[in-house]
Amino acid sequence: MKKRSEKQQDLDSLKTELARVSTVILTTFQGITVHDDTKLRRSVQAAGGSYQVVKNTIAERAANGTPAEKLLTNLKGTNSIAYTNTDPVALAKALTKIAKDVPAFQFRAGIVEGRVISVAEIQQLANLPSKDELISKIMFLLNAPAQRIAVALNALPRNLAVTVNEAIKANKFGSGGGEPLETKALTTADRDALEKELPL
């Protein structure tokens, strides 16, 4: 059994954690195996979060004055919490996957940015794109036009060379005593041919 000083250290440590996080998900773990518990902790850690089993009285006292206060009150039964200050979607995805594989692990409620959410809302949160997925999509959209421009610019010298070569073969530039290049006007057909060769 823990000494009073050790319990106070646990309370102070948890209070510090809860004061700096934006998302807390309250869960129950009764009946979960050691193997599944280890798997759960690793999944939460990989999502940028933390997970711990809590004593109800310590959790309630630690949450007092923190964003989690509205969630961690009047607790009953066996409880655990997962929390993060990074991406709530990533945490919800990790926990939802574990909940599907481990029936003993169940959601009770959660709080995101100061708003208490239900079990159904936690599952809806898990269906949203994660922060990393959103960043990847945005970068793709930003890079796509630049890539098309780069391809067009790279093709410009090649297409211009082909156009000039074809013009020389067709004697468009004149030869010998013909008119100088700078004074020889292009016909409409010549301009059309050039426009077709150059990329838009």
N, C-alpha and C. Protein backbone atom coordinates (compact mmCIF):
# COMPACT_ATOMS: atom_id res chain seq x y z
N MET A 1 0.84 -1.20 0.00
CA MET A 1 0.00 0.00 0.00
C MET A 1 0.88 1.26 0.00
N LYS A 2 0.51 2.24 -0.81
CA LYS A 2 1.32 3.45 -0.93
C LYS A 2 1.20 4.33 0.31
N LYS A 3 2.32 4.98 0.61
CA LYS A 3 2.32 5.92 1.71
C LYS A 3 1.58 7.20 1.28
N ARG A 4 1.22 7.99 2.28
CA ARG A 4 0.49 9.22 2.02
C ARG A 4 1.32 10.16 1.12
N SER A 5 2.63 10.21 1.36
CA SER A 5 3.50 11.08 0.55
C SER A 5 3.55 10.62 -0.90
N GLU A 6 3.52 9.31 -1.10
CA GLU A 6 3.55 8.76 -2.46
C GLU A 6 2.25 9.06 -3.20
N LYS A 7 1.14 8.97 -2.48
CA LYS A 7 -0.15 9.30 -3.08
C LYS A 7 -0.21 10.78 -3.47
N GLN A 8 0.38 11.62 -2.65
CA GLN A 8 0.41 13.06 -2.95
C GLN A 8 1.26 13.32 -4.19
N GLN A 9 2.35 12.58 -4.32
CA GLN A 9 3.19 12.72 -5.51
C GLN A 9 2.42 12.30 -6.77
N ASP A 10 1.66 11.21 -6.66
CA ASP A 10 0.83 10.76 -7.79
C ASP A 10 -0.18 11.83 -8.16
N LEU A 11 -0.81 12.41 -7.15
CA LEU A 11 -1.82 13.44 -7.39
C LEU A 11 -1.20 14.67 -8.06
N ASP A 12 -0.07 15.12 -7.53
CA ASP A 12 0.59 16.30 -8.09
C ASP A 12 1.05 16.06 -9.53
N SER A 13 1.58 14.86 -9.78
CA SER A 13 2.05 14.52 -11.12
C SER A 13 0.90 14.50 -12.12
N LEU A 14 -0.22 13.88 -11.72
CA LEU A 14 -1.38 13.81 -12.61
C LEU A 14 -1.97 15.19 -12.84
N LYS A 15 -2.01 16.02 -11.82
CA LYS A 15 -2.54 17.37 -11.94
C LYS A 15 -1.72 18.18 -12.96
N THR A 16 -0.41 18.02 -12.89
CA THR A 16 0.47 18.71 -13.84
C THR A 16 0.18 18.26 -15.27
N GLU A 17 0.00 16.97 -15.45
CA GLU A 17 -0.30 16.42 -16.78
C GLU A 17 -1.63 16.95 -17.31
N LEU A 18 -2.66 16.90 -16.46
CA LEU A 18 -4.00 17.31 -16.89
C LEU A 18 -4.08 18.81 -17.16
N ALA A 19 -3.23 19.58 -16.52
CA ALA A 19 -3.27 21.03 -16.70
C ALA A 19 -2.75 21.46 -18.07
N ARG A 20 -1.98 20.60 -18.72
CA ARG A 20 -1.36 21.00 -19.98
C ARG A 20 -1.90 20.26 -21.21
N VAL A 21 -2.90 19.40 -21.02
CA VAL A 21 -3.44 18.67 -22.17
C VAL A 21 -4.78 19.25 -22.60
N SER A 22 -5.13 19.03 -23.86
CA SER A 22 -6.38 19.55 -24.41
C SER A 22 -7.42 18.47 -24.60
N THR A 23 -6.97 17.21 -24.58
CA THR A 23 -7.89 16.09 -24.82
C THR A 23 -7.70 15.01 -23.77
N VAL A 24 -8.80 14.58 -23.15
CA VAL A 24 -8.76 13.48 -22.18
C VAL A 24 -9.92 12.55 -22.51
N ILE A 25 -9.63 11.27 -22.58
CA ILE A 25 -10.69 10.28 -22.84
C ILE A 25 -10.74 9.32 -21.66
N LEU A 26 -11.91 9.24 -21.04
CA LEU A 26 -12.13 8.40 -19.87
C LEU A 26 -12.58 7.01 -20.34
N THR A 27 -11.92 5.98 -19.81
CA THR A 27 -12.22 4.61 -20.25
C THR A 27 -12.32 3.69 -19.05
N THR A 28 -12.82 2.48 -19.30
CA THR A 28 -12.83 1.44 -18.28
C THR A 28 -12.06 0.25 -18.84
N PHE A 29 -11.39 -0.49 -17.96
CA PHE A 29 -10.46 -1.53 -18.41
C PHE A 29 -10.69 -2.86 -17.71
N GLN A 30 -11.75 -2.99 -16.97
CA GLN A 30 -11.97 -4.18 -16.15
C GLN A 30 -11.93 -5.45 -17.00
N GLY A 31 -11.04 -6.37 -16.63
CA GLY A 31 -10.94 -7.64 -17.34
C GLY A 31 -9.90 -7.65 -18.44
N ILE A 32 -9.21 -6.55 -18.66
CA ILE A 32 -8.22 -6.50 -19.72
C ILE A 32 -6.97 -7.28 -19.31
N THR A 33 -6.38 -8.00 -20.24
CA THR A 33 -5.20 -8.82 -19.93
C THR A 33 -3.93 -7.96 -19.95
N VAL A 34 -2.87 -8.50 -19.38
CA VAL A 34 -1.58 -7.79 -19.37
C VAL A 34 -1.10 -7.55 -20.80
N HIS A 35 -1.27 -8.54 -21.66
CA HIS A 35 -0.85 -8.42 -23.06
C HIS A 35 -1.61 -7.28 -23.75
N ASP A 36 -2.92 -7.23 -23.56
CA ASP A 36 -3.73 -6.19 -24.18
C ASP A 36 -3.43 -4.81 -23.59
N ASP A 37 -3.15 -4.78 -22.29
CA ASP A 37 -2.81 -3.52 -21.64
C ASP A 37 -1.50 -2.96 -22.21
N THR A 38 -0.54 -3.83 -22.43
CA THR A 38 0.74 -3.40 -23.02
C THR A 38 0.52 -2.89 -24.45
N LYS A 39 -0.29 -3.60 -25.19
CA LYS A 39 -0.61 -3.19 -26.57
C LYS A 39 -1.30 -1.83 -26.58
N LEU A 40 -2.22 -1.63 -25.63
CA LEU A 40 -2.94 -0.37 -25.51
C LEU A 40 -1.99 0.79 -25.23
N ARG A 41 -1.10 0.60 -24.28
CA ARG A 41 -0.17 1.67 -23.91
C ARG A 41 0.75 2.04 -25.07
N ARG A 42 1.19 1.05 -25.81
CA ARG A 42 2.07 1.32 -26.95
C ARG A 42 1.33 2.08 -28.05
N SER A 43 0.07 1.71 -28.27
CA SER A 43 -0.72 2.38 -29.30
C SER A 43 -0.97 3.85 -28.95
N VAL A 44 -1.28 4.09 -27.68
CA VAL A 44 -1.52 5.46 -27.23
C VAL A 44 -0.24 6.29 -27.33
N GLN A 45 0.88 5.69 -26.94
CA GLN A 45 2.16 6.39 -27.01
C GLN A 45 2.51 6.71 -28.46
N ALA A 46 2.26 5.77 -29.37
CA ALA A 46 2.54 6.00 -30.79
C ALA A 46 1.69 7.13 -31.36
N ALA A 47 0.51 7.36 -30.77
CA ALA A 47 -0.38 8.43 -31.21
C ALA A 47 -0.04 9.77 -30.55
N GLY A 48 1.03 9.78 -29.76
CA GLY A 48 1.44 11.02 -29.11
C GLY A 48 0.75 11.30 -27.79
N GLY A 49 0.15 10.26 -27.20
CA GLY A 49 -0.58 10.45 -25.95
C GLY A 49 0.00 9.66 -24.79
N SER A 50 -0.69 9.72 -23.66
CA SER A 50 -0.30 8.97 -22.47
C SER A 50 -1.53 8.24 -21.94
N TYR A 51 -1.27 7.15 -21.21
CA TYR A 51 -2.38 6.35 -20.68
C TYR A 51 -2.01 5.90 -19.28
N GLN A 52 -2.99 5.96 -18.37
CA GLN A 52 -2.76 5.43 -17.03
C GLN A 52 -4.06 5.08 -16.33
N VAL A 53 -3.94 4.07 -15.49
CA VAL A 53 -5.06 3.68 -14.63
C VAL A 53 -5.07 4.66 -13.46
N VAL A 54 -6.27 5.08 -13.06
CA VAL A 54 -6.36 6.09 -12.00
C VAL A 54 -7.30 5.65 -10.88
N LYS A 55 -6.98 6.09 -9.68
CA LYS A 55 -7.91 5.95 -8.56
C LYS A 55 -8.90 7.11 -8.65
N ASN A 56 -10.15 6.82 -8.44
CA ASN A 56 -11.19 7.82 -8.65
C ASN A 56 -10.98 9.09 -7.83
N THR A 57 -10.67 8.93 -6.56
CA THR A 57 -10.52 10.12 -5.71
C THR A 57 -9.32 10.96 -6.13
N ILE A 58 -8.22 10.29 -6.49
CA ILE A 58 -7.03 11.03 -6.93
C ILE A 58 -7.29 11.73 -8.26
N ALA A 59 -7.98 11.05 -9.18
CA ALA A 59 -8.29 11.64 -10.48
C ALA A 59 -9.16 12.88 -10.32
N GLU A 60 -10.16 12.80 -9.46
CA GLU A 60 -11.06 13.93 -9.25
C GLU A 60 -10.33 15.12 -8.63
N ARG A 61 -9.48 14.84 -7.65
CA ARG A 61 -8.74 15.93 -7.00
C ARG A 61 -7.70 16.52 -7.95
N ALA A 62 -7.07 15.67 -8.75
CA ALA A 62 -6.06 16.16 -9.69
C ALA A 62 -6.69 17.00 -10.80
N ALA A 63 -7.91 16.66 -11.20
CA ALA A 63 -8.59 17.37 -12.29
C ALA A 63 -9.14 18.73 -11.84
N ASN A 64 -9.25 18.93 -10.56
CA ASN A 64 -9.81 20.18 -10.04
C ASN A 64 -8.99 21.38 -10.53
N GLY A 65 -9.67 22.30 -11.21
CA GLY A 65 -9.00 23.49 -11.72
C GLY A 65 -8.32 23.30 -13.06
N THR A 66 -8.49 22.13 -13.68
CA THR A 66 -7.90 21.85 -15.00
C THR A 66 -9.02 21.71 -16.04
N PRO A 67 -8.67 21.67 -17.33
CA PRO A 67 -9.69 21.49 -18.37
C PRO A 67 -10.48 20.18 -18.22
N ALA A 68 -9.89 19.19 -17.51
CA ALA A 68 -10.54 17.88 -17.37
C ALA A 68 -11.52 17.82 -16.20
N GLU A 69 -11.69 18.92 -15.50
CA GLU A 69 -12.52 18.91 -14.30
C GLU A 69 -13.96 18.48 -14.59
N LYS A 70 -14.52 18.94 -15.69
CA LYS A 70 -15.92 18.60 -16.02
C LYS A 70 -16.09 17.12 -16.36
N LEU A 71 -15.00 16.49 -16.77
CA LEU A 71 -15.06 15.08 -17.15
C LEU A 71 -14.82 14.15 -15.96
N LEU A 72 -13.81 14.47 -15.18
CA LEU A 72 -13.41 13.59 -14.08
C LEU A 72 -14.09 14.00 -12.78
N THR A 73 -15.36 13.74 -12.72
CA THR A 73 -16.13 14.06 -11.52
C THR A 73 -17.16 12.95 -11.27
N ASN A 74 -17.42 12.67 -10.00
CA ASN A 74 -18.37 11.61 -9.61
C ASN A 74 -18.03 10.27 -10.27
N LEU A 75 -16.76 9.92 -10.27
CA LEU A 75 -16.32 8.68 -10.91
C LEU A 75 -16.71 7.46 -10.09
N LYS A 76 -17.07 6.41 -10.80
CA LYS A 76 -17.43 5.15 -10.15
C LYS A 76 -16.83 4.01 -10.93
N GLY A 77 -16.58 2.90 -10.24
CA GLY A 77 -16.03 1.73 -10.91
C GLY A 77 -14.53 1.88 -11.18
N THR A 78 -14.01 1.03 -12.06
CA THR A 78 -12.59 1.08 -12.42
C THR A 78 -12.43 1.99 -13.63
N ASN A 79 -11.49 2.91 -13.55
CA ASN A 79 -11.32 3.88 -14.63
C ASN A 79 -9.85 4.06 -15.02
N SER A 80 -9.68 4.44 -16.25
CA SER A 80 -8.36 4.80 -16.76
C SER A 80 -8.55 5.99 -17.69
N ILE A 81 -7.48 6.70 -17.95
CA ILE A 81 -7.58 7.87 -18.84
C ILE A 81 -6.46 7.84 -19.87
N ALA A 82 -6.79 8.32 -21.05
CA ALA A 82 -5.80 8.55 -22.11
C ALA A 82 -5.87 10.03 -22.44
N TYR A 83 -4.75 10.66 -22.60
CA TYR A 83 -4.77 12.10 -22.83
C TYR A 83 -3.63 12.52 -23.75
N THR A 84 -3.82 13.69 -24.39
CA THR A 84 -2.82 14.20 -25.31
C THR A 84 -2.94 15.71 -25.43
N ASN A 85 -1.86 16.33 -25.83
CA ASN A 85 -1.89 17.76 -26.12
C ASN A 85 -1.54 18.00 -27.58
N THR A 86 -1.59 16.95 -28.39
CA THR A 86 -1.24 17.08 -29.79
C THR A 86 -2.46 16.90 -30.69
N ASP A 87 -2.72 15.66 -31.08
CA ASP A 87 -3.78 15.40 -32.06
C ASP A 87 -4.87 14.52 -31.44
N PRO A 88 -6.04 15.09 -31.13
CA PRO A 88 -7.12 14.29 -30.53
C PRO A 88 -7.64 13.20 -31.46
N VAL A 89 -7.57 13.46 -32.77
CA VAL A 89 -8.05 12.46 -33.74
C VAL A 89 -7.16 11.22 -33.71
N ALA A 90 -5.86 11.43 -33.69
CA ALA A 90 -4.92 10.30 -33.65
C ALA A 90 -5.13 9.46 -32.40
N LEU A 91 -5.37 10.11 -31.26
CA LEU A 91 -5.62 9.39 -30.01
C LEU A 91 -6.92 8.61 -30.10
N ALA A 92 -7.97 9.25 -30.62
CA ALA A 92 -9.27 8.58 -30.75
C ALA A 92 -9.17 7.38 -31.69
N LYS A 93 -8.40 7.51 -32.76
CA LYS A 93 -8.22 6.40 -33.71
C LYS A 93 -7.54 5.21 -33.01
N ALA A 94 -6.49 5.50 -32.25
CA ALA A 94 -5.74 4.44 -31.57
C ALA A 94 -6.63 3.71 -30.56
N LEU A 95 -7.39 4.48 -29.78
CA LEU A 95 -8.25 3.88 -28.76
C LEU A 95 -9.40 3.10 -29.37
N THR A 96 -9.96 3.63 -30.45
CA THR A 96 -11.08 2.95 -31.12
C THR A 96 -10.65 1.59 -31.67
N LYS A 97 -9.44 1.55 -32.23
CA LYS A 97 -8.92 0.29 -32.76
C LYS A 97 -8.75 -0.74 -31.63
N ILE A 98 -8.22 -0.28 -30.49
CA ILE A 98 -8.05 -1.18 -29.35
C ILE A 98 -9.41 -1.66 -28.84
N ALA A 99 -10.37 -0.76 -28.78
CA ALA A 99 -11.71 -1.10 -28.28
C ALA A 99 -12.37 -2.17 -29.15
N LYS A 100 -12.08 -2.15 -30.46
CA LYS A 100 -12.65 -3.16 -31.36
C LYS A 100 -12.02 -4.53 -31.11
N ASP A 101 -10.71 -4.51 -30.81
CA ASP A 101 -9.99 -5.77 -30.60
C ASP A 101 -10.13 -6.33 -29.18
N VAL A 102 -10.38 -5.41 -28.22
CA VAL A 102 -10.44 -5.82 -26.81
C VAL A 102 -11.78 -5.37 -26.21
N PRO A 103 -12.76 -6.25 -26.16
CA PRO A 103 -14.09 -5.89 -25.64
C PRO A 103 -14.08 -5.36 -24.22
N ALA A 104 -13.10 -5.77 -23.41
CA ALA A 104 -13.04 -5.31 -22.01
C ALA A 104 -12.70 -3.83 -21.91
N PHE A 105 -12.13 -3.28 -22.96
CA PHE A 105 -11.76 -1.86 -22.97
C PHE A 105 -12.90 -1.06 -23.59
N GLN A 106 -13.48 -0.15 -22.82
CA GLN A 106 -14.65 0.59 -23.30
C GLN A 106 -14.52 2.09 -22.96
N PHE A 107 -15.13 2.90 -23.81
CA PHE A 107 -15.15 4.34 -23.57
C PHE A 107 -16.26 4.69 -22.57
N ARG A 108 -16.02 5.73 -21.81
CA ARG A 108 -17.06 6.30 -20.95
C ARG A 108 -17.47 7.68 -21.46
N ALA A 109 -16.49 8.52 -21.69
CA ALA A 109 -16.74 9.88 -22.20
C ALA A 109 -15.38 10.51 -22.50
N GLY A 110 -15.40 11.74 -22.96
CA GLY A 110 -14.14 12.43 -23.24
C GLY A 110 -14.32 13.93 -23.14
N ILE A 111 -13.21 14.64 -23.23
CA ILE A 111 -13.26 16.09 -23.28
C ILE A 111 -12.21 16.56 -24.30
N VAL A 112 -12.64 17.43 -25.20
CA VAL A 112 -11.76 17.95 -26.24
C VAL A 112 -11.90 19.47 -26.26
N GLU A 113 -10.77 20.15 -26.05
CA GLU A 113 -10.76 21.62 -26.03
C GLU A 113 -11.83 22.18 -25.09
N GLY A 114 -11.97 21.56 -23.92
CA GLY A 114 -12.90 22.06 -22.91
C GLY A 114 -14.34 21.61 -23.07
N ARG A 115 -14.63 20.84 -24.11
CA ARG A 115 -16.01 20.38 -24.37
C ARG A 115 -16.12 18.89 -24.10
N VAL A 116 -17.06 18.51 -23.23
CA VAL A 116 -17.29 17.10 -22.93
C VAL A 116 -17.99 16.45 -24.13
N ILE A 117 -17.48 15.28 -24.52
CA ILE A 117 -18.06 14.56 -25.67
C ILE A 117 -18.48 13.16 -25.24
N SER A 118 -19.48 12.63 -25.94
CA SER A 118 -20.03 11.32 -25.63
C SER A 118 -19.22 10.22 -26.31
N VAL A 119 -19.59 8.97 -26.03
CA VAL A 119 -18.94 7.82 -26.65
C VAL A 119 -19.13 7.88 -28.17
N ALA A 120 -20.34 8.21 -28.61
CA ALA A 120 -20.62 8.31 -30.05
C ALA A 120 -19.75 9.38 -30.70
N GLU A 121 -19.55 10.48 -30.01
CA GLU A 121 -18.73 11.57 -30.57
C GLU A 121 -17.25 11.20 -30.61
N ILE A 122 -16.81 10.37 -29.68
CA ILE A 122 -15.43 9.86 -29.71
C ILE A 122 -15.23 9.03 -30.96
N GLN A 123 -16.22 8.20 -31.27
CA GLN A 123 -16.13 7.35 -32.47
C GLN A 123 -16.19 8.20 -33.74
N GLN A 124 -16.98 9.26 -33.73
CA GLN A 124 -17.02 10.16 -34.88
C GLN A 124 -15.68 10.87 -35.05
N LEU A 125 -15.07 11.24 -33.93
CA LEU A 125 -13.76 11.88 -33.95
C LEU A 125 -12.72 10.96 -34.59
N ALA A 126 -12.83 9.68 -34.28
CA ALA A 126 -11.87 8.70 -34.82
C ALA A 126 -12.00 8.55 -36.33
N ASN A 127 -13.15 8.91 -36.89
CA ASN A 127 -13.36 8.78 -38.34
C ASN A 127 -12.84 9.98 -39.13
N LEU A 128 -12.44 11.04 -38.43
CA LEU A 128 -11.92 12.22 -39.11
C LEU A 128 -10.47 11.99 -39.55
N PRO A 129 -10.00 12.75 -40.55
CA PRO A 129 -8.57 12.65 -40.93
C PRO A 129 -7.70 13.16 -39.79
N SER A 130 -6.60 12.49 -39.54
CA SER A 130 -5.69 12.93 -38.49
C SER A 130 -4.94 14.18 -38.93
N LYS A 131 -4.25 14.78 -37.99
CA LYS A 131 -3.47 16.00 -38.31
C LYS A 131 -2.45 15.72 -39.41
N ASP A 132 -1.75 14.60 -39.31
CA ASP A 132 -0.74 14.26 -40.33
C ASP A 132 -1.38 14.02 -41.69
N GLU A 133 -2.56 13.38 -41.70
CA GLU A 133 -3.26 13.13 -42.97
C GLU A 133 -3.70 14.44 -43.60
N LEU A 134 -4.18 15.38 -42.80
CA LEU A 134 -4.60 16.69 -43.32
C LEU A 134 -3.41 17.45 -43.90
N ILE A 135 -2.29 17.41 -43.19
CA ILE A 135 -1.09 18.10 -43.68
C ILE A 135 -0.64 17.51 -45.02
N SER A 136 -0.68 16.18 -45.13
CA SER A 136 -0.28 15.52 -46.38
C SER A 136 -1.18 15.94 -47.54
N LYS A 137 -2.50 16.01 -47.28
CA LYS A 137 -3.44 16.41 -48.33
C LYS A 137 -3.21 17.86 -48.75
N ILE A 138 -2.97 18.74 -47.77
CA ILE A 138 -2.75 20.15 -48.07
C ILE A 138 -1.46 20.32 -48.88
N MET A 139 -0.40 19.61 -48.49
CA MET A 139 0.86 19.70 -49.21
C MET A 139 0.72 19.19 -50.63
N PHE A 140 -0.08 18.13 -50.81
CA PHE A 140 -0.31 17.62 -52.16
C PHE A 140 -1.00 18.66 -53.03
N LEU A 141 -2.02 19.32 -52.45
CA LEU A 141 -2.76 20.34 -53.20
C LEU A 141 -1.88 21.53 -53.53
N LEU A 142 -1.00 21.90 -52.59
CA LEU A 142 -0.11 23.03 -52.82
C LEU A 142 0.97 22.71 -53.85
N ASN A 143 1.44 21.47 -53.83
CA ASN A 143 2.54 21.09 -54.71
C ASN A 143 2.08 20.76 -56.12
N ALA A 144 0.84 20.32 -56.28
CA ALA A 144 0.37 19.88 -57.60
C ALA A 144 0.50 20.97 -58.68
N PRO A 145 0.03 22.22 -58.46
CA PRO A 145 0.18 23.25 -59.49
C PRO A 145 1.64 23.55 -59.79
N ALA A 146 2.49 23.58 -58.76
CA ALA A 146 3.91 23.86 -58.96
C ALA A 146 4.56 22.77 -59.80
N GLN A 147 4.16 21.53 -59.58
CA GLN A 147 4.72 20.43 -60.36
C GLN A 147 4.32 20.54 -61.82
N ARG A 148 3.06 20.95 -62.08
CA ARG A 148 2.62 21.10 -63.48
C ARG A 148 3.38 22.22 -64.17
N ILE A 149 3.63 23.33 -63.43
CA ILE A 149 4.37 24.45 -64.00
C ILE A 149 5.80 24.02 -64.31
N ALA A 150 6.41 23.26 -63.38
CA ALA A 150 7.78 22.80 -63.58
C ALA A 150 7.89 21.92 -64.81
N VAL A 151 6.92 21.03 -64.99
CA VAL A 151 6.91 20.15 -66.17
C VAL A 151 6.80 20.96 -67.45
N ALA A 152 5.92 21.96 -67.43
CA ALA A 152 5.74 22.81 -68.62
C ALA A 152 7.01 23.59 -68.95
N LEU A 153 7.66 24.13 -67.90
CA LEU A 153 8.89 24.89 -68.11
C LEU A 153 10.01 24.01 -68.62
N ASN A 154 10.10 22.79 -68.11
CA ASN A 154 11.12 21.86 -68.57
C ASN A 154 10.90 21.46 -70.02
N ALA A 155 9.62 21.41 -70.42
CA ALA A 155 9.30 21.01 -71.79
C ALA A 155 9.50 22.14 -72.79
N LEU A 156 9.53 23.38 -72.31
CA LEU A 156 9.60 24.53 -73.20
C LEU A 156 10.82 24.51 -74.12
N PRO A 157 12.05 24.35 -73.62
CA PRO A 157 13.20 24.34 -74.53
C PRO A 157 13.12 23.22 -75.56
N ARG A 158 12.68 22.03 -75.13
CA ARG A 158 12.58 20.90 -76.04
C ARG A 158 11.57 21.18 -77.16
N ASN A 159 10.40 21.68 -76.78
CA ASN A 159 9.37 21.97 -77.77
C ASN A 159 9.79 23.10 -78.71
N LEU A 160 10.49 24.09 -78.17
CA LEU A 160 10.96 25.19 -79.00
C LEU A 160 11.98 24.70 -80.01
N ALA A 161 12.88 23.80 -79.56
CA ALA A 161 13.89 23.25 -80.47
C ALA A 161 13.24 22.48 -81.61
N VAL A 162 12.21 21.70 -81.27
CA VAL A 162 11.50 20.94 -82.30
C VAL A 162 10.85 21.90 -83.30
N THR A 163 10.25 22.95 -82.78
CA THR A 163 9.57 23.93 -83.65
C THR A 163 10.56 24.61 -84.60
N VAL A 164 11.69 25.04 -84.06
CA VAL A 164 12.70 25.70 -84.90
C VAL A 164 13.24 24.75 -85.94
N ASN A 165 13.48 23.50 -85.54
CA ASN A 165 14.00 22.51 -86.48
C ASN A 165 13.03 22.27 -87.63
N GLU A 166 11.75 22.17 -87.28
CA GLU A 166 10.74 21.97 -88.32
C GLU A 166 10.66 23.20 -89.24
N ALA A 167 10.82 24.38 -88.66
CA ALA A 167 10.78 25.60 -89.47
C ALA A 167 11.94 25.66 -90.44
N ILE A 168 13.11 25.21 -89.97
CA ILE A 168 14.29 25.20 -90.86
C ILE A 168 14.08 24.24 -92.01
N LYS A 169 13.54 23.04 -91.68
CA LYS A 169 13.28 22.05 -92.73
C LYS A 169 12.30 22.58 -93.76
N ALA A 170 11.35 23.37 -93.33
CA ALA A 170 10.33 23.91 -94.23
C ALA A 170 10.81 25.20 -94.90
N ASN A 171 12.07 25.56 -94.64
CA ASN A 171 12.66 26.77 -95.22
C ASN A 171 11.88 28.02 -94.83
N LYS A 172 11.40 28.02 -93.56
CA LYS A 172 10.63 29.18 -93.09
C LYS A 172 11.53 30.38 -92.84
N PHE A 173 12.82 30.16 -92.60
CA PHE A 173 13.71 31.25 -92.27
C PHE A 173 14.43 31.80 -93.50
N GLY A 174 14.19 31.22 -94.66
CA GLY A 174 14.85 31.70 -95.88
C GLY A 174 16.28 31.20 -95.94
N SER A 175 16.93 31.40 -97.09
CA SER A 175 18.31 30.95 -97.24
C SER A 175 19.01 31.81 -98.27
N GLY A 176 20.32 31.83 -98.20
CA GLY A 176 21.10 32.55 -99.18
C GLY A 176 20.74 34.01 -99.22
N GLY A 177 20.30 34.47 -100.38
CA GLY A 177 20.01 35.89 -100.55
C GLY A 177 18.60 36.24 -100.19
N GLY A 178 17.92 35.35 -99.45
CA GLY A 178 16.54 35.66 -99.05
C GLY A 178 16.49 36.78 -98.06
N GLU A 179 15.30 37.09 -97.60
CA GLU A 179 15.13 38.18 -96.64
C GLU A 179 15.80 37.83 -95.31
N PRO A 180 16.37 38.82 -94.60
CA PRO A 180 16.94 38.56 -93.27
C PRO A 180 15.85 38.07 -92.32
N LEU A 181 16.28 37.32 -91.30
CA LEU A 181 15.34 36.73 -90.35
C LEU A 181 14.51 37.77 -89.62
N GLU A 182 15.15 38.91 -89.24
CA GLU A 182 14.44 39.87 -88.43
C GLU A 182 13.37 40.65 -89.21
N THR A 183 13.45 40.60 -90.54
CA THR A 183 12.47 41.34 -91.32
C THR A 183 11.47 40.44 -91.99
N LYS A 184 11.64 39.12 -91.84
CA LYS A 184 10.74 38.19 -92.50
C LYS A 184 9.55 37.92 -91.59
N ALA A 185 8.36 38.31 -91.96
CA ALA A 185 7.18 38.16 -91.12
C ALA A 185 6.65 36.74 -91.19
N LEU A 186 6.18 36.24 -90.04
CA LEU A 186 5.56 34.91 -90.02
C LEU A 186 4.14 35.00 -90.55
N THR A 187 3.76 33.96 -91.25
CA THR A 187 2.38 33.90 -91.73
C THR A 187 1.49 33.43 -90.60
N THR A 188 0.18 33.52 -90.83
CA THR A 188 -0.78 33.03 -89.83
C THR A 188 -0.59 31.54 -89.58
N ALA A 189 -0.33 30.79 -90.59
CA ALA A 189 -0.11 29.34 -90.48
C ALA A 189 1.12 29.05 -89.64
N ASP A 190 2.18 29.90 -89.82
CA ASP A 190 3.40 29.71 -89.02
C ASP A 190 3.11 29.92 -87.55
N ARG A 191 2.38 31.00 -87.24
CA ARG A 191 2.07 31.28 -85.84
C ARG A 191 1.24 30.17 -85.22
N ASP A 192 0.28 29.66 -85.99
CA ASP A 192 -0.56 28.57 -85.47
C ASP A 192 0.29 27.34 -85.15
N ALA A 193 1.26 27.06 -86.00
CA ALA A 193 2.11 25.89 -85.81
C ALA A 193 2.95 26.04 -84.55
N LEU A 194 3.47 27.27 -84.33
CA LEU A 194 4.26 27.53 -83.13
C LEU A 194 3.43 27.39 -81.87
N GLU A 195 2.23 27.92 -81.88
CA GLU A 195 1.35 27.87 -80.70
C GLU A 195 0.99 26.45 -80.35
N LYS A 196 0.85 25.59 -81.36
CA LYS A 196 0.51 24.19 -81.08
C LYS A 196 1.69 23.46 -80.43
N GLU A 197 2.91 23.85 -80.80
CA GLU A 197 4.08 23.18 -80.27
C GLU A 197 4.39 23.61 -78.84
N LEU A 198 4.12 24.89 -78.51
CA LEU A 198 4.46 25.41 -77.19
C LEU A 198 3.41 24.97 -76.16
N PRO A 199 3.87 24.58 -74.92
CA PRO A 199 2.90 24.15 -73.88
C PRO A 199 2.14 25.33 -73.33
N LEU A 200 0.89 25.08 -72.90
CA LEU A 200 0.07 26.12 -72.31
C LEU A 200 0.40 26.24 -70.84
